[in-house]
Structure formats: C-alpha cells, structure tokens
Amino acid sequence: MKPSIPKGTRDYSPQEVYRQNFIFSTIKEVFEKYGYQPIETPVMENLNTLLGKYGDEGDKLLFKVLNNGDFLAKADLDALDRRDSNAVISSISKRGLRYDLTVPFARYVVMHQHEIQFPFKRYQIQPVWRADRPQKGRYQEFYQCDADAVGSDSLMFEAEYILMIDEVFTRLGLEVEIKLNNRKILEGIAEVAGIPDKMTGMTVAVDKLDKIGWEGVSGELESSGISKAQIGELKRLYAVAELGELKEALSTSEIGLTGVNEIMEVYEYLDTVQLSQNLIFDPTLARGLSYYTGCIFEVKSSEAQIGSMLGGGRYANLTEVFGMPGVSGVGISFGVARIFDVMQELDRFPENIDQPIQLLLIALDEECHRWSFRLLHTLRRNQISSHLYPEPAKLKKQMKYADNSSTPFVLMIGSEEMKLERYTLKHMKSGEQWQLSLDEIVDKLKSTW
C-alpha cells in the first residue's frame, strides 16, 4: 500500500513544528498579557450543538462522525432509498468534528456558567476541521488560536482586540491590514437598499467581493432575487468609506446608525494609541458566519497573496440557543496555517528557531563514549540542549550527522581530552575551534545562544 494522507491535511517536519510553536507561543504570550485564561474542549461535539450555527454553507462543511458499532442498525432506510442525505445523516451520526472554537466555547459557557466569573476572558489553541475544497492557504484540518470575552457589552473589548492583533502581527514581523466593520451597518445598508429580508444572501455575496469583484457579486445577488436597481443602490452605499458620510447615508436606518456609532466608539478608545499596523474601516467586510451581530474583524497580509489570517466579531445571541439568553460576547481567531505559510514565504522566522539543539558530543572510542555520557548530564543540567552520537563511530560519520541535523556546535572527546578535562569545541558553520573546560563550554554556549 502506498502511504498517503487525506487531502487538505499536512505533515509537519521537526523544523515546521518548531516554527509553528513559535507562532503559538507568540500569540499565547499576548493573550495572557491581556488577561485571557486557557480552556480546552473536545475534538467532537454533538451535531445538534454545531448545526445551524454557521449558516447553510457552514453546515455543509461539517465533518460528521458515524455512530459507534453497527451504524446502519438504526438508519432511516426510507431516507436511504430516497437518497436523502440529510435525513440519513441524522439517523447514523450524532457527533461531528468541531468547525471552529467559538460555538464549542458558547456551549462551554452555558454548561459551566456557575463556575466562571463574568466577564469571562478565555483563549483556546486547538485544531478544527472543515470539509472545504483544499487550496493554497485553505486546509481541512488546521489550528485556530481564539480569544473571546463573554458577559459584557462594552466596546472596550473590540478596541482591546485591535491592540492584541496589532501586537501579535508586529511581534511576528508581518505587515498586515486590520479590517473593521459592523454587522449592524450591513443590516442598515440592506434596509436602505430595500432588501432587509435578503440580508443573509447579501452578506454571503458581499463577503466574496475581494475575490470575484462587483460583477461576480452582482450575479449572486440577482440569483438571490435582488433587482438591478437594488444592486445599484448597494453599490452606491458600499462606495461610502468615510464614517461621517456613511452616517448620513444610513440616516433612515436606526440599526445602521447604531452600527456606525459603535465603530466610532471603538475608534475613540484607540484615539491615543499609536498602532504599528494599518487599521481600515471597510464597509464591504461581511464575514460569512451568521452568528455575528456587531463589530467584525478581518486581517489580510499586505505582503503576500493569501486569504484572511484572522477573523472575528461580536455575537449577542450565541449562548441563547443553549438556553442562556442575554450574554453578549466578542472574539477573534488567528488562522495559524496561513500565518505559517506567509512567514515561510517571506522568510520571517527567527534565525535560531530551527536549531533548538545546540551541541552534539562526538566520542572517538568506547571509553570516551561512556565519559561523554556523563558530560551530557552536566550539560543538560546547565540548560544546554545537547545530544550524544549513539556509538563511537568514525569521526567523519559523526561530523556528517551534526552537519545534516544543523547542530551548530560539536564537542570532540578523545583520550587526551579526557585526561586533561579540556575538550575541543567546534562551530560547524565557521570552523572555529576552542580548547575549553566543561565550565567554560557552558559559559560560552550560554553567551552565544
């Protein structure tokens, strides 16, 4: 059998894992700096937890898990004969892989509401699964790094997320655009355009504007039953990018004005802050997920052609479907796979990130090998990451191993070194060598790393 992996998934080499962990640790440090606490939720959720939370398109992308044992024993045979997939699935599958971390978090909040303090600020770094068509920057299995705050309507959190986003991408050495909009503005636009009942179709189409342009969006809008005159009005409204002008354009829509005022309040919080990244108000930003009700966020690279590297927004009613009404929340989610790809493409990872092992000990005979094993313990106790070639092989073979594994230093130990307790330390890249005691080796490696 020829080994393979499912489409939309990927293996990570040691180098890639080190690099991905660098991204994780950078995001985690910022999350914790802003007072967010970690939680974890199961890989699988009950399907009734997931279905209906992501819109029709999102529901189609859920991975369903077959019931244990003979899953056909309780299958709807009539539906099977009719080839009614939805009816069959409900009878053979009760669980699904999580699509994101936000809906499981809402379920967690409801189940643990008597154990947590509101407002509750949590972060979560775990993989998610989507049955999407694999392409560059889009995978079926990938990690998300989420931060959410629930139990408060304060727009301070929206401003705080912009600061967190700005800090993370600046620390990662990436140049991005932070896009900001408000779903209430989209509702106002739909209302003024005379299509309040077609809000969902409008947002799904407009969310693709940067990919297919107005021509493609217009086609989708027409197929949703929106007239050419109404599409013309939408184009006019979306062309207004200045908040003051947009407020005037939406003057007949109460909800639209509320959305504009909320955006203005976020900007007021940030009034005295100097951001390193580019913050843009973008009225075309829609975010496809149907649970957003207020401010929405998206981050795009300014340096590479790739989809959004972060999404998020305010949701007012997500916990209500689990029996806990009146709890507002807001959150963001970093798309680590895309961040990783951009950093790889632009070569932005730190120089030493791929070299966690500093030193290889090379023994020239069996007695030296035993001696080296004892040295290894002392080196590691002094926080020098090191390893020993497993046998006293030829010097050339051991040096080749150090070179191929990108180990920056080797320590050569022969009978004379054992006798004097001074060892030959060599820098593999420059070829420079030193005769040093073990304490001097520890000090040198600590000072150069």
Protein backbone atom coordinates (compact mmCIF):
# COMPACT_ATOMS: atom_id res chain seq x y z
CA MET A 1 0.00 0.00 0.00
CA LYS A 2 1.32 3.42 -0.91
CA PRO A 3 1.15 5.67 2.18
CA SER A 4 -0.81 8.92 1.87
CA ILE A 5 -2.72 11.45 3.94
CA PRO A 6 -6.21 12.90 3.34
CA LYS A 7 -6.46 15.93 1.08
CA GLY A 8 -6.49 19.19 3.00
CA THR A 9 -4.21 17.86 5.75
CA ARG A 10 -0.45 18.08 6.11
CA ASP A 11 2.51 16.55 7.93
CA TYR A 12 4.85 18.85 9.84
CA SER A 13 8.59 18.19 9.98
CA PRO A 14 10.53 18.99 13.18
CA GLN A 15 11.58 22.31 11.63
CA GLU A 16 7.96 23.17 10.79
CA VAL A 17 6.74 22.21 14.26
CA TYR A 18 9.35 24.46 15.87
CA ARG A 19 8.21 27.28 13.62
CA GLN A 20 4.52 26.68 14.28
CA ASN A 21 5.20 26.54 18.03
CA PHE A 22 6.92 29.92 17.74
CA ILE A 23 3.67 31.35 16.35
CA PHE A 24 1.63 29.62 19.07
CA SER A 25 3.87 30.91 21.86
CA THR A 26 3.83 34.48 20.49
CA ILE A 27 0.02 34.50 20.35
CA LYS A 28 -0.29 32.79 23.75
CA GLU A 29 2.02 35.36 25.39
CA VAL A 30 -0.11 38.22 24.07
CA PHE A 31 -3.36 36.51 25.13
CA GLU A 32 -2.09 36.01 28.67
CA LYS A 33 -0.62 39.52 28.79
CA TYR A 34 -4.16 40.84 28.21
CA GLY A 35 -5.64 38.65 30.94
CA TYR A 36 -7.09 35.73 28.95
CA GLN A 37 -7.22 32.24 30.51
CA PRO A 38 -6.83 28.90 28.67
CA ILE A 39 -9.52 26.25 28.25
CA GLU A 40 -9.86 23.18 26.02
CA THR A 41 -12.95 21.47 24.57
CA PRO A 42 -13.38 18.02 22.95
CA VAL A 43 -12.45 17.29 19.34
CA MET A 44 -16.04 16.10 18.80
CA GLU A 45 -19.25 17.88 19.69
CA ASN A 46 -22.82 16.67 19.45
CA LEU A 47 -24.11 17.52 15.97
CA ASN A 48 -27.07 19.40 17.43
CA THR A 49 -24.51 21.69 19.09
CA LEU A 50 -22.89 22.52 15.75
CA LEU A 51 -25.71 22.52 13.20
CA GLY A 52 -27.47 25.78 12.47
CA LYS A 53 -24.70 27.99 13.92
CA TYR A 54 -22.66 28.67 10.76
CA GLY A 55 -25.32 29.26 8.11
CA ASP A 56 -26.27 26.83 5.34
CA GLU A 57 -22.81 26.91 3.74
CA GLY A 58 -21.09 26.24 7.05
CA ASP A 59 -23.38 23.31 7.88
CA LYS A 60 -22.37 21.63 4.62
CA LEU A 61 -18.71 21.80 5.66
CA LEU A 62 -19.14 19.94 8.94
CA PHE A 63 -17.37 16.59 9.22
CA LYS A 64 -19.87 14.08 10.61
CA VAL A 65 -18.79 11.11 12.74
CA LEU A 66 -20.59 7.79 12.24
CA ASN A 67 -22.29 6.28 15.29
CA ASN A 68 -20.35 3.54 17.07
CA GLY A 69 -20.83 -0.11 16.15
CA ASP A 70 -23.39 -1.07 13.51
CA PHE A 71 -24.31 2.47 12.48
CA LEU A 72 -26.84 1.17 9.91
CA ALA A 73 -28.85 -0.67 12.54
CA LYS A 74 -30.89 2.44 13.32
CA ALA A 75 -30.56 4.09 9.91
CA ASP A 76 -33.59 5.68 8.23
CA LEU A 77 -33.95 3.13 5.42
CA ASP A 78 -36.67 5.10 3.66
CA ALA A 79 -34.38 8.13 3.51
CA LEU A 80 -31.57 5.88 2.30
CA ASP A 81 -33.78 4.60 -0.52
CA ARG A 82 -34.70 8.20 -1.40
CA ARG A 83 -31.02 9.19 -1.25
CA ASP A 84 -32.00 11.93 1.21
CA SER A 85 -28.54 12.65 2.67
CA ASN A 86 -29.70 14.98 5.44
CA ALA A 87 -32.31 12.54 6.74
CA VAL A 88 -29.84 9.64 6.59
CA ILE A 89 -27.12 11.57 8.41
CA SER A 90 -29.40 12.40 11.35
CA SER A 91 -30.06 8.67 11.83
CA ILE A 92 -26.46 7.41 11.55
CA SER A 93 -24.44 10.28 13.03
CA LYS A 94 -24.91 12.09 16.33
CA ARG A 95 -21.48 13.74 16.55
CA GLY A 96 -19.26 15.93 14.41
CA LEU A 97 -15.73 17.36 14.41
CA ARG A 98 -15.72 20.95 15.60
CA TYR A 99 -15.84 23.54 12.80
CA ASP A 100 -14.45 26.34 14.94
CA LEU A 101 -13.76 27.06 18.61
CA THR A 102 -16.43 29.73 19.17
CA VAL A 103 -19.56 27.57 19.18
CA PRO A 104 -17.96 24.96 21.49
CA PHE A 105 -16.94 27.87 23.71
CA ALA A 106 -20.55 29.10 23.86
CA ARG A 107 -21.63 25.58 24.84
CA TYR A 108 -18.86 25.52 27.48
CA VAL A 109 -20.01 28.84 28.96
CA VAL A 110 -23.58 27.61 29.35
CA MET A 111 -22.53 24.30 30.90
CA HIS A 112 -20.09 25.95 33.31
CA GLN A 113 -21.90 29.24 33.95
CA HIS A 114 -21.95 28.70 37.73
CA GLU A 115 -18.20 28.07 37.85
CA ILE A 116 -16.87 31.05 35.90
CA GLN A 117 -16.66 34.76 36.67
CA PHE A 118 -18.23 37.17 34.17
CA PRO A 119 -16.98 38.85 32.12
CA PHE A 120 -15.03 35.69 31.26
CA LYS A 121 -11.94 36.08 29.07
CA ARG A 122 -10.66 32.81 27.63
CA TYR A 123 -8.22 31.70 24.98
CA GLN A 124 -8.07 28.36 23.19
CA ILE A 125 -5.43 26.88 20.86
CA GLN A 126 -6.71 23.69 19.23
CA PRO A 127 -7.29 22.14 15.78
CA VAL A 128 -10.59 22.42 13.88
CA TRP A 129 -11.94 20.63 10.79
CA ARG A 130 -13.82 21.86 7.73
CA ALA A 131 -14.82 19.81 4.67
CA ASP A 132 -13.70 22.64 2.40
CA ARG A 133 -12.06 22.35 -1.02
CA PRO A 134 -8.30 22.28 -0.36
CA GLN A 135 -6.27 25.06 -1.99
CA LYS A 136 -3.41 27.39 -1.12
CA GLY A 137 -3.92 28.66 2.40
CA ARG A 138 -7.08 26.57 2.89
CA TYR A 139 -6.94 23.25 4.70
CA GLN A 140 -9.47 20.75 6.04
CA GLU A 141 -7.56 20.40 9.31
CA PHE A 142 -5.89 23.41 10.88
CA TYR A 143 -5.27 25.13 14.20
CA GLN A 144 -7.12 28.15 15.45
CA CYS A 145 -5.97 30.43 18.22
CA ASP A 146 -9.06 32.07 19.70
CA ALA A 147 -9.63 34.70 22.34
CA ASP A 148 -13.17 35.55 23.48
CA ALA A 149 -14.72 37.71 26.17
CA VAL A 150 -18.31 36.99 27.22
CA GLY A 151 -20.63 38.68 29.68
CA SER A 152 -20.14 42.32 28.69
CA ASP A 153 -21.49 44.68 26.01
CA SER A 154 -18.53 47.03 26.39
CA LEU A 155 -16.88 48.05 23.14
CA MET A 156 -13.65 48.32 25.10
CA PHE A 157 -13.11 44.68 24.17
CA GLU A 158 -13.29 45.46 20.45
CA ALA A 159 -10.60 48.08 20.94
CA GLU A 160 -8.57 45.65 23.05
CA TYR A 161 -8.69 43.03 20.29
CA ILE A 162 -7.35 45.52 17.78
CA LEU A 163 -4.42 46.17 20.13
CA MET A 164 -3.84 42.42 20.54
CA ILE A 165 -3.97 41.83 16.79
CA ASP A 166 -1.58 44.73 16.21
CA GLU A 167 0.89 43.40 18.79
CA VAL A 168 0.84 39.77 17.59
CA PHE A 169 1.49 40.55 13.93
CA THR A 170 4.11 43.16 14.80
CA ARG A 171 5.95 40.65 17.02
CA LEU A 172 5.78 38.08 14.21
CA GLY A 173 7.38 40.62 11.86
CA LEU A 174 4.45 40.74 9.43
CA GLU A 175 2.82 43.71 7.76
CA VAL A 176 -0.99 43.44 7.67
CA GLU A 177 -4.24 45.35 7.24
CA ILE A 178 -6.69 45.09 10.13
CA LYS A 179 -10.16 45.48 8.65
CA LEU A 180 -13.09 46.57 10.81
CA ASN A 181 -16.82 46.73 10.12
CA ASN A 182 -20.13 46.20 11.92
CA ARG A 183 -22.95 43.80 11.02
CA LYS A 184 -25.46 46.46 12.06
CA ILE A 185 -24.08 48.63 9.28
CA LEU A 186 -24.71 45.78 6.85
CA GLU A 187 -28.27 45.50 8.17
CA GLY A 188 -28.66 49.24 7.70
CA ILE A 189 -27.37 49.01 4.14
CA ALA A 190 -29.84 46.20 3.39
CA GLU A 191 -32.64 48.25 4.94
CA VAL A 192 -31.86 51.43 2.98
CA ALA A 193 -31.46 49.39 -0.23
CA GLY A 194 -34.94 47.95 0.32
CA ILE A 195 -33.85 44.32 0.88
CA PRO A 196 -34.00 43.76 4.67
CA ASP A 197 -35.43 40.27 4.10
CA LYS A 198 -32.45 39.33 1.90
CA MET A 199 -29.76 40.31 4.40
CA THR A 200 -28.21 36.81 4.55
CA GLY A 201 -27.92 36.44 0.78
CA MET A 202 -26.48 39.94 0.54
CA THR A 203 -23.77 39.33 3.16
CA VAL A 204 -22.78 35.93 1.75
CA ALA A 205 -22.33 37.53 -1.69
CA VAL A 206 -20.61 40.71 -0.48
CA ASP A 207 -18.18 38.65 1.64
CA LYS A 208 -16.71 37.44 -1.68
CA LEU A 209 -16.26 40.94 -3.10
CA ASP A 210 -12.46 40.93 -2.89
CA LYS A 211 -12.36 37.56 -4.70
CA ILE A 212 -14.92 37.93 -7.52
CA GLY A 213 -15.50 41.70 -7.75
CA TRP A 214 -18.81 43.50 -8.25
CA GLU A 215 -19.57 41.63 -11.44
CA GLY A 216 -19.49 38.27 -9.67
CA VAL A 217 -21.24 39.62 -6.58
CA SER A 218 -23.99 41.19 -8.72
CA GLY A 219 -24.64 37.81 -10.34
CA GLU A 220 -25.01 36.16 -6.93
CA LEU A 221 -27.26 38.98 -5.70
CA GLU A 222 -29.52 38.67 -8.75
CA SER A 223 -29.80 34.92 -8.18
CA SER A 224 -30.97 35.75 -4.64
CA GLY A 225 -33.85 37.77 -6.06
CA ILE A 226 -32.31 41.23 -5.68
CA SER A 227 -33.15 43.60 -8.54
CA LYS A 228 -30.64 45.56 -10.59
CA ALA A 229 -31.94 48.82 -9.11
CA GLN A 230 -31.38 47.49 -5.60
CA ILE A 231 -27.90 46.26 -6.58
CA GLY A 232 -27.17 49.78 -7.88
CA GLU A 233 -28.21 51.21 -4.50
CA LEU A 234 -25.96 48.68 -2.74
CA LYS A 235 -23.00 49.75 -4.88
CA ARG A 236 -23.67 53.39 -4.00
CA LEU A 237 -23.83 52.65 -0.27
CA TYR A 238 -20.74 50.45 -0.30
CA ALA A 239 -18.78 53.15 -2.09
CA VAL A 240 -19.10 55.36 1.02
CA ALA A 241 -15.98 54.69 3.10
CA GLU A 242 -15.90 57.75 5.40
CA LEU A 243 -17.82 57.23 8.64
CA GLY A 244 -19.40 60.69 8.72
CA GLU A 245 -20.72 60.31 5.17
CA LEU A 246 -21.95 56.79 5.89
CA LYS A 247 -23.84 58.04 8.93
CA GLU A 248 -25.66 60.46 6.66
CA ALA A 249 -26.30 57.79 4.01
CA LEU A 250 -27.87 55.49 6.65
CA SER A 251 -29.82 58.26 8.41
CA THR A 252 -33.16 56.49 7.77
CA SER A 253 -31.98 53.23 9.38
CA GLU A 254 -31.83 53.13 13.18
CA ILE A 255 -29.82 49.90 13.26
CA GLY A 256 -27.43 51.21 10.63
CA LEU A 257 -26.78 54.36 12.67
CA THR A 258 -26.17 52.21 15.76
CA GLY A 259 -23.51 50.30 13.84
CA VAL A 260 -21.77 53.49 12.72
CA ASN A 261 -21.81 54.85 16.28
CA GLU A 262 -20.30 51.62 17.60
CA ILE A 263 -17.43 51.84 15.11
CA MET A 264 -16.87 55.46 16.12
CA GLU A 265 -16.73 54.45 19.80
CA VAL A 266 -14.08 51.83 19.07
CA TYR A 267 -12.01 54.50 17.31
CA GLU A 268 -12.43 56.77 20.36
CA TYR A 269 -10.90 54.08 22.60
CA LEU A 270 -7.94 53.91 20.23
CA ASP A 271 -7.63 57.67 19.86
CA THR A 272 -4.44 57.98 21.92
CA VAL A 273 -2.84 54.72 20.76
CA GLN A 274 -0.22 54.53 18.02
CA LEU A 275 -0.78 51.29 16.10
CA SER A 276 2.05 49.62 14.19
CA GLN A 277 -0.30 48.04 11.64
CA ASN A 278 -2.81 49.61 9.28
CA LEU A 279 -6.38 49.77 10.70
CA ILE A 280 -9.04 50.18 7.99
CA PHE A 281 -12.78 50.66 8.26
CA ASP A 282 -14.17 48.54 5.42
CA PRO A 283 -17.97 48.63 4.89
CA THR A 284 -17.71 45.75 2.40
CA LEU A 285 -16.38 43.40 5.08
CA ALA A 286 -19.16 40.93 5.83
CA ARG A 287 -17.74 37.76 7.47
CA GLY A 288 -19.87 34.82 6.39
CA LEU A 289 -20.69 33.35 9.79
CA SER A 290 -24.29 34.11 10.68
CA TYR A 291 -23.82 34.45 14.45
CA TYR A 292 -22.04 37.84 14.28
CA THR A 293 -24.27 40.73 15.34
CA GLY A 294 -21.93 43.70 15.90
CA CYS A 295 -18.34 44.66 15.11
CA ILE A 296 -16.44 42.26 12.86
CA PHE A 297 -12.71 41.90 12.22
CA GLU A 298 -10.51 40.51 9.47
CA VAL A 299 -6.77 40.61 8.84
CA LYS A 300 -5.14 40.43 5.40
CA SER A 301 -1.45 40.29 4.58
CA SER A 302 -0.01 43.43 2.95
CA GLU A 303 2.92 41.39 1.62
CA ALA A 304 1.57 38.06 0.33
CA GLN A 305 -1.37 36.82 -1.72
CA ILE A 306 -3.38 34.70 0.71
CA GLY A 307 -6.82 34.68 2.34
CA SER A 308 -7.62 36.25 5.69
CA MET A 309 -5.26 35.37 8.55
CA LEU A 310 -7.70 36.36 11.29
CA GLY A 311 -11.43 36.73 11.67
CA GLY A 312 -13.78 37.56 14.49
CA GLY A 313 -16.53 39.72 15.81
CA ARG A 314 -19.29 40.48 18.31
CA TYR A 315 -22.10 37.99 18.86
CA ALA A 316 -25.10 38.90 21.02
CA ASN A 317 -27.15 35.71 21.00
CA LEU A 318 -24.84 32.71 20.63
CA THR A 319 -25.40 31.28 24.13
CA GLU A 320 -29.15 31.81 23.83
CA VAL A 321 -29.53 28.70 21.64
CA PHE A 322 -28.09 26.70 24.54
CA GLY A 323 -30.62 28.14 27.00
CA MET A 324 -28.67 31.13 28.34
CA PRO A 325 -30.08 34.37 26.86
CA GLY A 326 -28.72 37.87 27.32
CA VAL A 327 -24.99 37.05 27.28
CA SER A 328 -23.04 39.11 24.78
CA GLY A 329 -19.61 38.09 23.60
CA VAL A 330 -16.85 39.09 21.21
CA GLY A 331 -13.83 37.20 19.95
CA ILE A 332 -11.08 36.78 17.40
CA SER A 333 -9.45 33.74 15.80
CA PHE A 334 -5.94 33.59 14.34
CA GLY A 335 -5.55 31.29 11.32
CA VAL A 336 -2.17 29.80 12.17
CA ALA A 337 -1.81 27.73 8.97
CA ARG A 338 -2.00 30.86 6.83
CA ILE A 339 0.25 32.86 9.15
CA PHE A 340 2.75 29.98 8.94
CA ASP A 341 2.60 29.94 5.12
CA VAL A 342 3.14 33.71 4.89
CA MET A 343 6.08 33.62 7.31
CA GLN A 344 7.61 30.74 5.34
CA GLU A 345 7.15 32.59 2.05
CA LEU A 346 8.62 35.83 3.40
CA ASP A 347 11.36 34.11 5.48
CA ARG A 348 10.33 35.89 8.70
CA PHE A 349 11.11 33.21 11.27
CA PRO A 350 13.93 33.97 13.75
CA GLU A 351 17.32 32.61 12.76
CA ASN A 352 17.79 30.16 15.65
CA ILE A 353 14.21 28.84 15.72
CA ASP A 354 15.17 25.70 13.75
CA GLN A 355 18.20 24.90 15.95
CA PRO A 356 16.90 24.00 19.40
CA ILE A 357 19.77 21.51 19.87
CA GLN A 358 22.99 23.42 20.48
CA LEU A 359 25.60 20.71 20.82
CA LEU A 360 26.50 17.21 19.62
CA LEU A 361 29.08 15.28 21.65
CA ILE A 362 31.42 13.18 19.50
CA ALA A 363 33.30 10.34 21.22
CA LEU A 364 36.30 8.77 19.49
CA ASP A 365 36.26 5.37 21.25
CA GLU A 366 34.17 3.28 23.66
CA GLU A 367 35.79 4.67 26.83
CA CYS A 368 35.31 8.23 25.58
CA HIS A 369 31.67 7.39 24.79
CA ARG A 370 30.99 6.44 28.43
CA TRP A 371 32.79 9.57 29.61
CA SER A 372 30.75 11.72 27.19
CA PHE A 373 27.50 10.29 28.51
CA ARG A 374 28.40 11.60 31.97
CA LEU A 375 29.29 15.01 30.49
CA LEU A 376 25.92 15.07 28.76
CA HIS A 377 24.11 15.03 32.10
CA THR A 378 26.10 18.01 33.36
CA LEU A 379 25.50 19.99 30.17
CA ARG A 380 21.75 19.40 30.26
CA ARG A 381 21.59 20.28 33.94
CA ASN A 382 23.05 23.65 32.89
CA GLN A 383 20.27 24.10 30.28
CA ILE A 384 22.50 23.29 27.32
CA SER A 385 20.37 21.32 24.86
CA SER A 386 22.70 18.58 23.69
CA HIS A 387 22.88 15.01 22.50
CA LEU A 388 25.48 12.29 22.03
CA TYR A 389 26.03 10.22 18.91
CA PRO A 390 24.84 6.74 19.99
CA GLU A 391 28.12 4.93 19.26
CA PRO A 392 31.79 5.81 18.82
CA ALA A 393 31.66 5.73 15.01
CA LYS A 394 34.21 7.24 12.64
CA LEU A 395 34.74 10.97 13.11
CA LYS A 396 33.64 11.76 9.56
CA LYS A 397 30.32 9.95 10.05
CA GLN A 398 29.58 11.78 13.31
CA MET A 399 30.51 15.17 11.84
CA LYS A 400 28.24 14.50 8.87
CA TYR A 401 25.38 13.72 11.26
CA ALA A 402 25.94 17.05 13.06
CA ASP A 403 26.02 18.89 9.77
CA ASN A 404 22.88 17.25 8.36
CA SER A 405 20.94 17.87 11.58
CA SER A 406 22.02 21.57 11.60
CA THR A 407 23.58 21.23 15.05
CA PRO A 408 25.66 24.42 15.38
CA PHE A 409 28.37 23.11 17.77
CA VAL A 410 30.17 19.80 18.26
CA LEU A 411 32.30 18.72 21.23
CA MET A 412 35.03 16.24 20.31
CA ILE A 413 36.24 13.97 23.09
CA GLY A 414 39.27 11.69 22.82
CA SER A 415 41.62 10.10 25.35
CA GLU A 416 43.80 13.23 25.61
CA GLU A 417 40.71 15.43 26.25
CA MET A 418 39.56 13.02 28.96
CA LYS A 419 42.97 13.14 30.63
CA LEU A 420 43.21 16.97 30.63
CA GLU A 421 39.44 17.54 31.04
CA ARG A 422 39.66 20.12 28.31
CA TYR A 423 37.62 19.45 25.19
CA THR A 424 37.59 20.61 21.58
CA LEU A 425 34.51 22.75 20.88
CA LYS A 426 33.92 23.46 17.20
CA HIS A 427 31.48 25.83 15.50
CA MET A 428 30.21 23.93 12.48
CA LYS A 429 29.47 26.91 10.25
CA SER A 430 32.67 28.93 10.74
CA GLY A 431 35.02 26.01 11.52
CA GLU A 432 36.44 27.90 14.51
CA GLN A 433 37.68 25.69 17.41
CA TRP A 434 38.47 26.20 21.10
CA GLN A 435 40.12 24.07 23.80
CA LEU A 436 37.92 24.61 26.88
CA SER A 437 36.97 23.14 30.22
CA LEU A 438 33.39 21.99 30.73
CA ASP A 439 32.52 25.12 32.75
CA GLU A 440 33.99 27.33 30.01
CA ILE A 441 31.96 25.44 27.39
CA VAL A 442 28.76 26.02 29.36
CA ASP A 443 29.51 29.75 29.70
CA LYS A 444 30.39 30.11 26.00
CA LEU A 445 27.27 28.33 24.76
CA LYS A 446 25.02 30.31 27.09
CA SER A 447 26.53 33.59 25.92
CA THR A 448 26.22 32.75 22.20
CA TRP A 449 22.66 31.40 22.24
